[in-house]
Each structure stands twice: as structure tokens, then as C-alpha cells.
């Protein structure tokens, strides 16, 4: 089977890959093996997935589930090719996620897939956007959110908000102060969780419950806010503002700024009054 696999990002216990299959109708499938636990989002095309858990027709919006070291086949009996975003997890990482999901009992998928569901729509959009942006920190959060949502749906129980203790509240308050003070530095989910002495998934759930957005989204919002203020109050070059805010390259800054603010940085600057003499004003 013809496949193009592009590793997008990886970290401790997880990885993300973009997989394009160009198999044609009737092409003979061959046996493969999942190297680790897999949750793959089907974004385009259909195919038949066969594994020990059963057989399923995979369609756009569905989640393919694979157990570590399990053999499987993907067949294209009815259509040509497909496109998936594949997230891989180590047993240890998946166990950490399951520990925070009520009703989840063991580190193994009992079903071959989860059909497309409305409750997953927003998360799958986030996954596709994160994969296209290729930002490792954003992809780590999406991977863990996807693992948590999958585990919750497999339990058959309604999702419940994370239980927040006073210790969790202090952890998140400390993390917010850190982001506010060092928002221009690289602060990954794993690093923030290590500082809080908790698992990345528990930290992610707690942060999102208290703040309303994920740590990465909060960090991005903080950077963009500071950049927007500097754009209005100074005549510093857009590239200088982008780098000082913590963006590694200008194209990423421009894309993120436009997505959130609805305008390019230059357009935003021109739309409001700025004060040239405050060029070096700290923000």
C-alpha cells in the first residue's frame, strides 16, 4: 500500500503524524502493526479497517483506534486513498490519561473505531489546524485532549468536569504567573506540568476548567495581546515585535495574529492611533 508518512511533532510519550494513503480500489492490503497506541482522525476518504477488536468502515470524522503491537489491515475496496492525522501514545502516557477519566479501567481499546460524533467536531477542527500549523506545543495539547475524549466516550459515561482541588487552583495560579512573567519563552505543556508536579493531562484538564482555555491558548493570547499593544503604541518593526513576543518566525506570527485579531499586524497598526515616542515602552 502506498503511504506518505510525515512526522509533525513528538515528545515524551506521544507523537503526531500526517498520513496520506494513495492506494487504489482493489489494491491488496497487507498486514501492518501499531508500534504504540494509536488514535487517528480520518480527514478524507474511506477505507476498511480490520484488527483484533473488529472491522469498521472508516469515514471522515471517525477515529481509528489501535492497540500497541496489534496487527491490522486497511483495505480500499470501495474508494481510492485517504488522509489521516495519527496520534501515537506510549502505554505510560495513556495510563496517565485514563487515571483522570472516570470509568476508564484498562489501557487497551476494545473497539476498532469511534464513528463521527457532533461532540468531537470542535476538537477535530483543532486537531487539523494544529497539524497544519505544525506547532509541537499545540499538538501535544490536542493529542492529550483527543486521548481524554476517546477514553471518555469508550466508557459510555457522560463526560464530567474535572474535579478541582485547592492544590490544583494553586498550581494553575502559579502557572499563570509564570506565563505572564515569561510568556516570550518556550513553555510547553510538559514543562508546566512538571513544575506543578502533576501529569500533563491532569494539568491540562485543570487549567482548562479554571481558565476556560488550554495553557497553549492562554500563552498564545498573552503573546498576541502584548504584540497588539506594541503595534499600537510604538513604531517598532513588526518582525521585532513578533520575536520579542516569543514567536519564532514572522510568518507564524502573521498567521496567528490574523486568525485571532481578524487583521494582519500591519493592518491592525494602521487601524488605530499609535504614539511613536513610546517606542521602547515595556509591555
C-alpha atoms as a PDB file:
ATOM      1  CA  UNK A   1       0.000   0.000   0.000  1.00  0.00           C
ATOM      2  CA  UNK A   2       1.353   3.435  -0.964  1.00  0.00           C
ATOM      3  CA  UNK A   3       1.668   5.761   2.016  1.00  0.00           C
ATOM      4  CA  UNK A   4       3.340   9.078   2.692  1.00  0.00           C
ATOM      5  CA  UNK A   5       4.033   9.496   6.406  1.00  0.00           C
ATOM      6  CA  UNK A   6       5.224  12.847   7.716  1.00  0.00           C
ATOM      7  CA  UNK A   7       6.101  13.168  11.409  1.00  0.00           C
ATOM      8  CA  UNK A   8       4.736  16.512  12.589  1.00  0.00           C
ATOM      9  CA  UNK A   9       5.975  16.536  16.172  1.00  0.00           C
ATOM     10  CA  UNK A  10       6.827  14.253  19.052  1.00  0.00           C
ATOM     11  CA  UNK A  11       7.546  14.429  22.752  1.00  0.00           C
ATOM     12  CA  UNK A  12       7.795  12.268  25.833  1.00  0.00           C
ATOM     13  CA  UNK A  13       5.200   9.522  25.341  1.00  0.00           C
ATOM     14  CA  UNK A  14       3.453  10.910  22.254  1.00  0.00           C
ATOM     15  CA  UNK A  15       3.867  11.764  18.592  1.00  0.00           C
ATOM     16  CA  UNK A  16       1.776  13.154  15.743  1.00  0.00           C
ATOM     17  CA  UNK A  17       1.967  12.261  12.059  1.00  0.00           C
ATOM     18  CA  UNK A  18       0.256  13.228   8.838  1.00  0.00           C
ATOM     19  CA  UNK A  19      -0.529  10.128   6.740  1.00  0.00           C
ATOM     20  CA  UNK A  20      -1.628  10.236   3.100  1.00  0.00           C
ATOM     21  CA  UNK A  21      -2.576   6.903   1.530  1.00  0.00           C
ATOM     22  CA  UNK A  22      -2.730   6.675  -2.260  1.00  0.00           C
ATOM     23  CA  UNK A  23      -3.961   3.078  -2.520  1.00  0.00           C
ATOM     24  CA  UNK A  24      -6.427   2.416  -5.339  1.00  0.00           C
ATOM     25  CA  UNK A  25      -9.653   0.436  -5.367  1.00  0.00           C
ATOM     26  CA  UNK A  26      -8.945  -3.258  -5.218  1.00  0.00           C
ATOM     27  CA  UNK A  27      -5.305  -2.882  -4.236  1.00  0.00           C
ATOM     28  CA  UNK A  28      -4.391  -5.773  -1.982  1.00  0.00           C
ATOM     29  CA  UNK A  29      -3.957  -4.757   1.662  1.00  0.00           C
ATOM     30  CA  UNK A  30      -1.050  -6.052   3.681  1.00  0.00           C
ATOM     31  CA  UNK A  31      -0.669  -6.659   7.382  1.00  0.00           C
ATOM     32  CA  UNK A  32       0.829  -3.865   9.480  1.00  0.00           C
ATOM     33  CA  UNK A  33       1.488  -3.383  13.188  1.00  0.00           C
ATOM     34  CA  UNK A  34       0.783  -0.500  15.503  1.00  0.00           C
ATOM     35  CA  UNK A  35       4.052   0.393  17.198  1.00  0.00           C
ATOM     36  CA  UNK A  36       2.196   2.042  20.070  1.00  0.00           C
ATOM     37  CA  UNK A  37      -1.342   3.011  20.995  1.00  0.00           C
ATOM     38  CA  UNK A  38      -2.912   4.943  18.134  1.00  0.00           C
ATOM     39  CA  UNK A  39      -5.822   7.354  17.737  1.00  0.00           C
ATOM     40  CA  UNK A  40      -6.097   8.516  14.133  1.00  0.00           C
ATOM     41  CA  UNK A  41      -8.503  11.142  12.827  1.00  0.00           C
ATOM     42  CA  UNK A  42      -9.800  10.406   9.338  1.00  0.00           C
ATOM     43  CA  UNK A  43      -9.978  13.723   7.473  1.00  0.00           C
ATOM     44  CA  UNK A  44     -10.623  12.497   3.927  1.00  0.00           C
ATOM     45  CA  UNK A  45     -11.616   9.293   2.114  1.00  0.00           C
ATOM     46  CA  UNK A  46     -12.971   5.952   3.281  1.00  0.00           C
ATOM     47  CA  UNK A  47     -11.355   2.589   3.925  1.00  0.00           C
ATOM     48  CA  UNK A  48     -11.972  -0.671   5.751  1.00  0.00           C
ATOM     49  CA  UNK A  49     -10.002  -1.183   8.957  1.00  0.00           C
ATOM     50  CA  UNK A  50      -9.555  -4.716  10.271  1.00  0.00           C
ATOM     51  CA  UNK A  51      -7.980  -5.563  13.608  1.00  0.00           C
ATOM     52  CA  UNK A  52      -8.451  -7.914  16.562  1.00  0.00           C
ATOM     53  CA  UNK A  53     -11.091  -5.582  18.034  1.00  0.00           C
ATOM     54  CA  UNK A  54     -13.241  -5.971  14.919  1.00  0.00           C
ATOM     55  CA  UNK A  55     -13.804  -4.498  11.466  1.00  0.00           C
ATOM     56  CA  UNK A  56     -15.010  -0.984  10.735  1.00  0.00           C
ATOM     57  CA  UNK A  57     -15.572   1.226   7.703  1.00  0.00           C
ATOM     58  CA  UNK A  58     -13.634   4.410   8.408  1.00  0.00           C
ATOM     59  CA  UNK A  59     -15.173   7.670   7.188  1.00  0.00           C
ATOM     60  CA  UNK A  60     -14.236  11.352   7.588  1.00  0.00           C
ATOM     61  CA  UNK A  61     -14.628  12.459  11.203  1.00  0.00           C
ATOM     62  CA  UNK A  62     -14.238   8.945  12.621  1.00  0.00           C
ATOM     63  CA  UNK A  63     -11.441   7.895  14.971  1.00  0.00           C
ATOM     64  CA  UNK A  64      -9.346   4.809  14.215  1.00  0.00           C
ATOM     65  CA  UNK A  65      -8.224   3.049  17.422  1.00  0.00           C
ATOM     66  CA  UNK A  66      -5.176   0.820  17.603  1.00  0.00           C
ATOM     67  CA  UNK A  67      -3.541  -1.069  20.458  1.00  0.00           C
ATOM     68  CA  UNK A  68       0.210  -1.261  20.873  1.00  0.00           C
ATOM     69  CA  UNK A  69       1.810  -4.179  18.991  1.00  0.00           C
ATOM     70  CA  UNK A  70      -1.544  -5.138  17.455  1.00  0.00           C
ATOM     71  CA  UNK A  71      -1.671  -6.224  13.812  1.00  0.00           C
ATOM     72  CA  UNK A  72      -4.146  -4.623  11.396  1.00  0.00           C
ATOM     73  CA  UNK A  73      -5.104  -4.208   7.749  1.00  0.00           C
ATOM     74  CA  UNK A  74      -6.532  -1.252   5.831  1.00  0.00           C
ATOM     75  CA  UNK A  75      -8.383  -2.060   2.614  1.00  0.00           C
ATOM     76  CA  UNK A  76      -9.734   0.168  -0.153  1.00  0.00           C
ATOM     77  CA  UNK A  77     -12.497  -1.950  -1.595  1.00  0.00           C
ATOM     78  CA  UNK A  78     -14.749   0.988  -2.492  1.00  0.00           C
ATOM     79  CA  UNK A  79     -12.675   4.150  -2.966  1.00  0.00           C
ATOM     80  CA  UNK A  80      -9.193   5.430  -3.675  1.00  0.00           C
ATOM     81  CA  UNK A  81      -6.907   6.740  -0.935  1.00  0.00           C
ATOM     82  CA  UNK A  82      -7.449   8.544   2.335  1.00  0.00           C
ATOM     83  CA  UNK A  83      -5.872  11.092   4.655  1.00  0.00           C
ATOM     84  CA  UNK A  84      -5.430  10.666   8.429  1.00  0.00           C
ATOM     85  CA  UNK A  85      -3.890  12.574  11.310  1.00  0.00           C
ATOM     86  CA  UNK A  86      -2.354   9.918  13.537  1.00  0.00           C
ATOM     87  CA  UNK A  87      -1.542  10.406  17.223  1.00  0.00           C
ATOM     88  CA  UNK A  88       0.604   7.765  18.945  1.00  0.00           C
ATOM     89  CA  UNK A  89       0.838   7.225  22.714  1.00  0.00           C
ATOM     90  CA  UNK A  90       3.088   5.160  24.942  1.00  0.00           C
ATOM     91  CA  UNK A  91       1.353   2.880  27.487  1.00  0.00           C
ATOM     92  CA  UNK A  92       2.590   5.150  30.293  1.00  0.00           C
ATOM     93  CA  UNK A  93       1.141   8.280  28.713  1.00  0.00           C
ATOM     94  CA  UNK A  94      -2.207   6.616  28.029  1.00  0.00           C
ATOM     95  CA  UNK A  95      -2.344   5.296  31.608  1.00  0.00           C
ATOM     96  CA  UNK A  96      -1.875   8.860  32.881  1.00  0.00           C
ATOM     97  CA  UNK A  97      -4.847   9.964  30.805  1.00  0.00           C
ATOM     98  CA  UNK A  98      -7.044   7.053  31.903  1.00  0.00           C
ATOM     99  CA  UNK A  99      -6.282   7.803  35.551  1.00  0.00           C
ATOM    100  CA  UNK A 100      -8.184  11.090  35.129  1.00  0.00           C
ATOM    101  CA  UNK A 101     -11.173   9.637  33.245  1.00  0.00           C
ATOM    102  CA  UNK A 102     -13.971   8.281  35.491  1.00  0.00           C
ATOM    103  CA  UNK A 103     -14.937   4.756  34.482  1.00  0.00           C
ATOM    104  CA  UNK A 104     -11.827   4.040  32.404  1.00  0.00           C
ATOM    105  CA  UNK A 105     -10.345   0.771  33.662  1.00  0.00           C
ATOM    106  CA  UNK A 106      -7.543  -0.537  31.470  1.00  0.00           C
ATOM    107  CA  UNK A 107      -5.038   0.591  28.894  1.00  0.00           C
ATOM    108  CA  UNK A 108      -6.480  -1.095  25.809  1.00  0.00           C
ATOM    109  CA  UNK A 109      -9.091  -0.207  23.207  1.00  0.00           C
ATOM    110  CA  UNK A 110     -11.988  -2.674  22.993  1.00  0.00           C
ATOM    111  CA  UNK A 111     -13.393  -1.221  19.760  1.00  0.00           C
ATOM    112  CA  UNK A 112     -11.717  -0.677  16.360  1.00  0.00           C
ATOM    113  CA  UNK A 113     -13.100   2.832  15.971  1.00  0.00           C
ATOM    114  CA  UNK A 114     -15.396   5.606  17.138  1.00  0.00           C
ATOM    115  CA  UNK A 115     -17.797   6.863  14.446  1.00  0.00           C
ATOM    116  CA  UNK A 116     -18.023  10.594  13.759  1.00  0.00           C
ATOM    117  CA  UNK A 117     -19.912  12.384  16.541  1.00  0.00           C
ATOM    118  CA  UNK A 118     -21.024  16.006  16.888  1.00  0.00           C
ATOM    119  CA  UNK A 119     -19.366  16.277  20.302  1.00  0.00           C
ATOM    120  CA  UNK A 120     -15.986  15.741  18.626  1.00  0.00           C
ATOM    121  CA  UNK A 121     -16.444  18.339  15.877  1.00  0.00           C
ATOM    122  CA  UNK A 122     -14.661  21.270  17.545  1.00  0.00           C
ATOM    123  CA  UNK A 123     -11.791  19.091  18.781  1.00  0.00           C
ATOM    124  CA  UNK A 124     -11.223  17.601  15.325  1.00  0.00           C
ATOM    125  CA  UNK A 125     -11.060  21.086  13.840  1.00  0.00           C
ATOM    126  CA  UNK A 126      -8.444  21.988  16.463  1.00  0.00           C
ATOM    127  CA  UNK A 127      -6.529  18.832  15.548  1.00  0.00           C
ATOM    128  CA  UNK A 128      -6.479  19.625  11.832  1.00  0.00           C
ATOM    129  CA  UNK A 129      -5.475  23.254  12.411  1.00  0.00           C
ATOM    130  CA  UNK A 130      -2.720  22.215  14.823  1.00  0.00           C
ATOM    131  CA  UNK A 131      -1.372  19.687  12.329  1.00  0.00           C
ATOM    132  CA  UNK A 132      -1.300  22.266   9.558  1.00  0.00           C
ATOM    133  CA  UNK A 133       0.448  24.786  11.799  1.00  0.00           C
ATOM    134  CA  UNK A 134       2.915  22.123  12.950  1.00  0.00           C
ATOM    135  CA  UNK A 135       3.377  23.678  16.393  1.00  0.00           C
ATOM    136  CA  UNK A 136       4.637  20.948  18.756  1.00  0.00           C
ATOM    137  CA  UNK A 137       3.208  22.575  21.904  1.00  0.00           C
ATOM    138  CA  UNK A 138      -0.244  22.917  20.362  1.00  0.00           C
ATOM    139  CA  UNK A 139      -0.088  19.359  19.011  1.00  0.00           C
ATOM    140  CA  UNK A 140       0.788  17.962  22.451  1.00  0.00           C
ATOM    141  CA  UNK A 141      -2.340  19.536  23.928  1.00  0.00           C
ATOM    142  CA  UNK A 142      -4.536  18.329  21.073  1.00  0.00           C
ATOM    143  CA  UNK A 143      -3.119  14.805  21.399  1.00  0.00           C
ATOM    144  CA  UNK A 144      -3.961  14.626  25.106  1.00  0.00           C
ATOM    145  CA  UNK A 145      -7.392  16.187  24.648  1.00  0.00           C
ATOM    146  CA  UNK A 146      -8.135  13.628  21.932  1.00  0.00           C
ATOM    147  CA  UNK A 147      -6.971  10.759  24.147  1.00  0.00           C
ATOM    148  CA  UNK A 148      -9.146  12.003  27.015  1.00  0.00           C
ATOM    149  CA  UNK A 149     -12.213  12.456  24.809  1.00  0.00           C
ATOM    150  CA  UNK A 150     -11.735   8.989  23.302  1.00  0.00           C
ATOM    151  CA  UNK A 151     -11.373   7.336  26.707  1.00  0.00           C
ATOM    152  CA  UNK A 152     -14.477   9.158  27.985  1.00  0.00           C
ATOM    153  CA  UNK A 153     -16.632   8.074  25.042  1.00  0.00           C
ATOM    154  CA  UNK A 154     -15.471   4.472  25.313  1.00  0.00           C
ATOM    155  CA  UNK A 155     -16.642   4.305  28.933  1.00  0.00           C
ATOM    156  CA  UNK A 156     -20.184   5.083  27.809  1.00  0.00           C
ATOM    157  CA  UNK A 157     -20.489   7.558  30.674  1.00  0.00           C
ATOM    158  CA  UNK A 158     -21.271  11.261  30.250  1.00  0.00           C
ATOM    159  CA  UNK A 159     -18.242  13.495  30.458  1.00  0.00           C
ATOM    160  CA  UNK A 160     -17.840  15.270  33.771  1.00  0.00           C
ATOM    161  CA  UNK A 161     -15.907  18.444  34.583  1.00  0.00           C
ATOM    162  CA  UNK A 162     -12.530  17.925  36.200  1.00  0.00           C
ATOM    163  CA  UNK A 163     -12.568  17.960  39.991  1.00  0.00           C
ATOM    164  CA  UNK A 164     -10.577  20.968  41.114  1.00  0.00           C
ATOM    165  CA  UNK A 165      -8.840  20.913  44.488  1.00  0.00           C
ATOM    166  CA  UNK A 166      -7.248  23.856  46.265  1.00  0.00           C
ATOM    167  CA  UNK A 167      -3.909  22.374  45.292  1.00  0.00           C
ATOM    168  CA  UNK A 168      -4.966  22.413  41.636  1.00  0.00           C
ATOM    169  CA  UNK A 169      -6.056  26.034  41.993  1.00  0.00           C
ATOM    170  CA  UNK A 170      -2.640  26.974  43.348  1.00  0.00           C
ATOM    171  CA  UNK A 171      -0.898  25.032  40.575  1.00  0.00           C
ATOM    172  CA  UNK A 172      -2.839  26.897  37.908  1.00  0.00           C
ATOM    173  CA  UNK A 173      -2.349  30.269  39.600  1.00  0.00           C
ATOM    174  CA  UNK A 174       1.405  29.625  39.714  1.00  0.00           C
ATOM    175  CA  UNK A 175       1.382  28.601  36.043  1.00  0.00           C
ATOM    176  CA  UNK A 176      -0.477  31.753  35.029  1.00  0.00           C
ATOM    177  CA  UNK A 177       2.048  33.916  36.863  1.00  0.00           C
ATOM    178  CA  UNK A 178       4.850  32.042  35.110  1.00  0.00           C
ATOM    179  CA  UNK A 179       3.263  32.569  31.679  1.00  0.00           C
ATOM    180  CA  UNK A 180       2.660  36.238  32.409  1.00  0.00           C
ATOM    181  CA  UNK A 181       6.246  36.714  33.532  1.00  0.00           C
ATOM    182  CA  UNK A 182       7.953  34.563  30.899  1.00  0.00           C
ATOM    183  CA  UNK A 183       5.462  34.483  28.061  1.00  0.00           C
ATOM    184  CA  UNK A 184       8.146  35.229  25.494  1.00  0.00           C
ATOM    185  CA  UNK A 185       9.966  31.988  26.387  1.00  0.00           C
ATOM    186  CA  UNK A 186       9.223  28.427  25.304  1.00  0.00           C
ATOM    187  CA  UNK A 187       6.835  26.926  27.868  1.00  0.00           C
ATOM    188  CA  UNK A 188       5.463  23.541  26.845  1.00  0.00           C
ATOM    189  CA  UNK A 189       2.603  21.671  28.485  1.00  0.00           C
ATOM    190  CA  UNK A 190       5.046  19.038  29.785  1.00  0.00           C
ATOM    191  CA  UNK A 191       7.278  21.683  31.363  1.00  0.00           C
ATOM    192  CA  UNK A 192       4.346  23.440  33.034  1.00  0.00           C
ATOM    193  CA  UNK A 193       3.026  20.102  34.326  1.00  0.00           C
ATOM    194  CA  UNK A 194       6.470  19.126  35.664  1.00  0.00           C
ATOM    195  CA  UNK A 195       6.675  22.420  37.542  1.00  0.00           C
ATOM    196  CA  UNK A 196       3.250  21.721  39.013  1.00  0.00           C
ATOM    197  CA  UNK A 197       4.270  18.158  39.954  1.00  0.00           C
ATOM    198  CA  UNK A 198       1.350  16.566  38.111  1.00  0.00           C
ATOM    199  CA  UNK A 199       0.684  14.693  34.878  1.00  0.00           C
ATOM    200  CA  UNK A 200       0.334  16.707  31.651  1.00  0.00           C
ATOM    201  CA  UNK A 201      -3.249  15.537  31.121  1.00  0.00           C
ATOM    202  CA  UNK A 202      -4.371  16.367  34.678  1.00  0.00           C
ATOM    203  CA  UNK A 203      -2.719  19.779  34.409  1.00  0.00           C
ATOM    204  CA  UNK A 204      -4.376  20.372  31.033  1.00  0.00           C
ATOM    205  CA  UNK A 205      -7.843  19.457  32.332  1.00  0.00           C
ATOM    206  CA  UNK A 206      -7.438  21.548  35.473  1.00  0.00           C
ATOM    207  CA  UNK A 207      -6.135  24.572  33.580  1.00  0.00           C
ATOM    208  CA  UNK A 208      -8.924  24.422  31.009  1.00  0.00           C
ATOM    209  CA  UNK A 209     -11.600  24.072  33.706  1.00  0.00           C
ATOM    210  CA  UNK A 210     -10.320  27.053  35.706  1.00  0.00           C
ATOM    211  CA  UNK A 211      -9.174  29.400  32.932  1.00  0.00           C
ATOM    212  CA  UNK A 212     -11.564  28.404  30.130  1.00  0.00           C
ATOM    213  CA  UNK A 213      -8.798  27.818  27.566  1.00  0.00           C
ATOM    214  CA  UNK A 214      -5.822  25.463  27.339  1.00  0.00           C
ATOM    215  CA  UNK A 215      -2.344  26.514  28.548  1.00  0.00           C
ATOM    216  CA  UNK A 216      -1.148  26.925  24.961  1.00  0.00           C
ATOM    217  CA  UNK A 217      -4.171  29.030  24.044  1.00  0.00           C
ATOM    218  CA  UNK A 218      -3.594  31.226  27.111  1.00  0.00           C
ATOM    219  CA  UNK A 219       0.095  31.619  26.261  1.00  0.00           C
ATOM    220  CA  UNK A 220      -0.761  32.482  22.662  1.00  0.00           C
ATOM    221  CA  UNK A 221      -3.376  35.002  23.782  1.00  0.00           C
ATOM    222  CA  UNK A 222      -0.881  36.597  26.162  1.00  0.00           C
ATOM    223  CA  UNK A 223       1.735  36.940  23.423  1.00  0.00           C
ATOM    224  CA  UNK A 224      -0.714  38.318  20.888  1.00  0.00           C
ATOM    225  CA  UNK A 225      -2.115  40.831  23.376  1.00  0.00           C
ATOM    226  CA  UNK A 226       1.333  42.191  24.158  1.00  0.00           C
ATOM    227  CA  UNK A 227       2.214  42.319  20.487  1.00  0.00           C
ATOM    228  CA  UNK A 228      -1.030  44.157  19.701  1.00  0.00           C
ATOM    229  CA  UNK A 229      -0.309  46.773  22.362  1.00  0.00           C
ATOM    230  CA  UNK A 230       3.194  47.340  20.981  1.00  0.00           C
ATOM    231  CA  UNK A 231       1.830  47.615  17.448  1.00  0.00           C
ATOM    232  CA  UNK A 232      -0.478  50.419  18.564  1.00  0.00           C
ATOM    233  CA  UNK A 233       1.944  52.245  20.871  1.00  0.00           C
ATOM    234  CA  UNK A 234       5.241  52.001  19.001  1.00  0.00           C
ATOM    235  CA  UNK A 235       6.766  52.206  15.558  1.00  0.00           C
ATOM    236  CA  UNK A 236       8.951  49.144  16.086  1.00  0.00           C
ATOM    237  CA  UNK A 237       9.181  46.799  13.122  1.00  0.00           C
ATOM    238  CA  UNK A 238       6.571  44.026  13.017  1.00  0.00           C
ATOM    239  CA  UNK A 239       9.332  41.417  12.934  1.00  0.00           C
ATOM    240  CA  UNK A 240      10.945  42.889  16.065  1.00  0.00           C
ATOM    241  CA  UNK A 241       7.616  42.830  17.896  1.00  0.00           C
ATOM    242  CA  UNK A 242       6.973  39.253  16.797  1.00  0.00           C
ATOM    243  CA  UNK A 243      10.325  37.955  18.047  1.00  0.00           C
ATOM    244  CA  UNK A 244      10.129  39.859  21.334  1.00  0.00           C
ATOM    245  CA  UNK A 245       6.661  38.424  21.958  1.00  0.00           C
ATOM    246  CA  UNK A 246       8.039  34.879  21.661  1.00  0.00           C
ATOM    247  CA  UNK A 247       7.198  33.910  18.077  1.00  0.00           C
ATOM    248  CA  UNK A 248       9.965  32.016  16.316  1.00  0.00           C
ATOM    249  CA  UNK A 249       9.259  33.374  12.857  1.00  0.00           C
ATOM    250  CA  UNK A 250       7.333  36.192  11.238  1.00  0.00           C
ATOM    251  CA  UNK A 251       5.044  34.039   9.106  1.00  0.00           C
ATOM    252  CA  UNK A 252       3.730  32.194  12.164  1.00  0.00           C
ATOM    253  CA  UNK A 253       3.127  35.496  13.963  1.00  0.00           C
ATOM    254  CA  UNK A 254       1.270  36.958  10.975  1.00  0.00           C
ATOM    255  CA  UNK A 255      -0.910  33.859  10.602  1.00  0.00           C
ATOM    256  CA  UNK A 256      -1.768  33.633  14.301  1.00  0.00           C
ATOM    257  CA  UNK A 257      -2.392  37.362  14.637  1.00  0.00           C
ATOM    258  CA  UNK A 258      -4.760  37.440  11.682  1.00  0.00           C
ATOM    259  CA  UNK A 259      -6.640  34.382  12.875  1.00  0.00           C
ATOM    260  CA  UNK A 260      -7.270  35.877  16.332  1.00  0.00           C
ATOM    261  CA  UNK A 261      -7.456  39.619  15.614  1.00  0.00           C
ATOM    262  CA  UNK A 262      -9.094  39.441  12.191  1.00  0.00           C
ATOM    263  CA  UNK A 263      -6.423  41.640  10.582  1.00  0.00           C
ATOM    264  CA  UNK A 264      -2.778  41.463   9.639  1.00  0.00           C
ATOM    265  CA  UNK A 265      -0.393  43.074  12.156  1.00  0.00           C
ATOM    266  CA  UNK A 266       0.247  45.949   9.746  1.00  0.00           C
ATOM    267  CA  UNK A 267      -3.456  46.428   9.117  1.00  0.00           C
ATOM    268  CA  UNK A 268      -4.164  46.392  12.839  1.00  0.00           C
ATOM    269  CA  UNK A 269      -1.477  49.014  13.435  1.00  0.00           C
ATOM    270  CA  UNK A 270      -2.883  51.275  10.741  1.00  0.00           C
ATOM    271  CA  UNK A 271      -6.428  50.961  12.066  1.00  0.00           C
ATOM    272  CA  UNK A 272      -5.658  52.690  15.377  1.00  0.00           C
ATOM    273  CA  UNK A 273      -3.765  55.604  16.872  1.00  0.00           C
ATOM    274  CA  UNK A 274      -0.205  54.930  17.969  1.00  0.00           C
ATOM    275  CA  UNK A 275       2.337  57.055  19.842  1.00  0.00           C
ATOM    276  CA  UNK A 276       5.772  56.988  18.137  1.00  0.00           C
ATOM    277  CA  UNK A 277       7.630  58.477  21.089  1.00  0.00           C
ATOM    278  CA  UNK A 278       6.753  55.450  23.246  1.00  0.00           C
ATOM    279  CA  UNK A 279       8.751  53.095  21.017  1.00  0.00           C
ATOM    280  CA  UNK A 280      10.562  51.433  23.917  1.00  0.00           C
ATOM    281  CA  UNK A 281       7.600  51.289  26.259  1.00  0.00           C
ATOM    282  CA  UNK A 282       7.712  47.946  28.129  1.00  0.00           C
ATOM    283  CA  UNK A 283       4.516  45.941  27.984  1.00  0.00           C
END
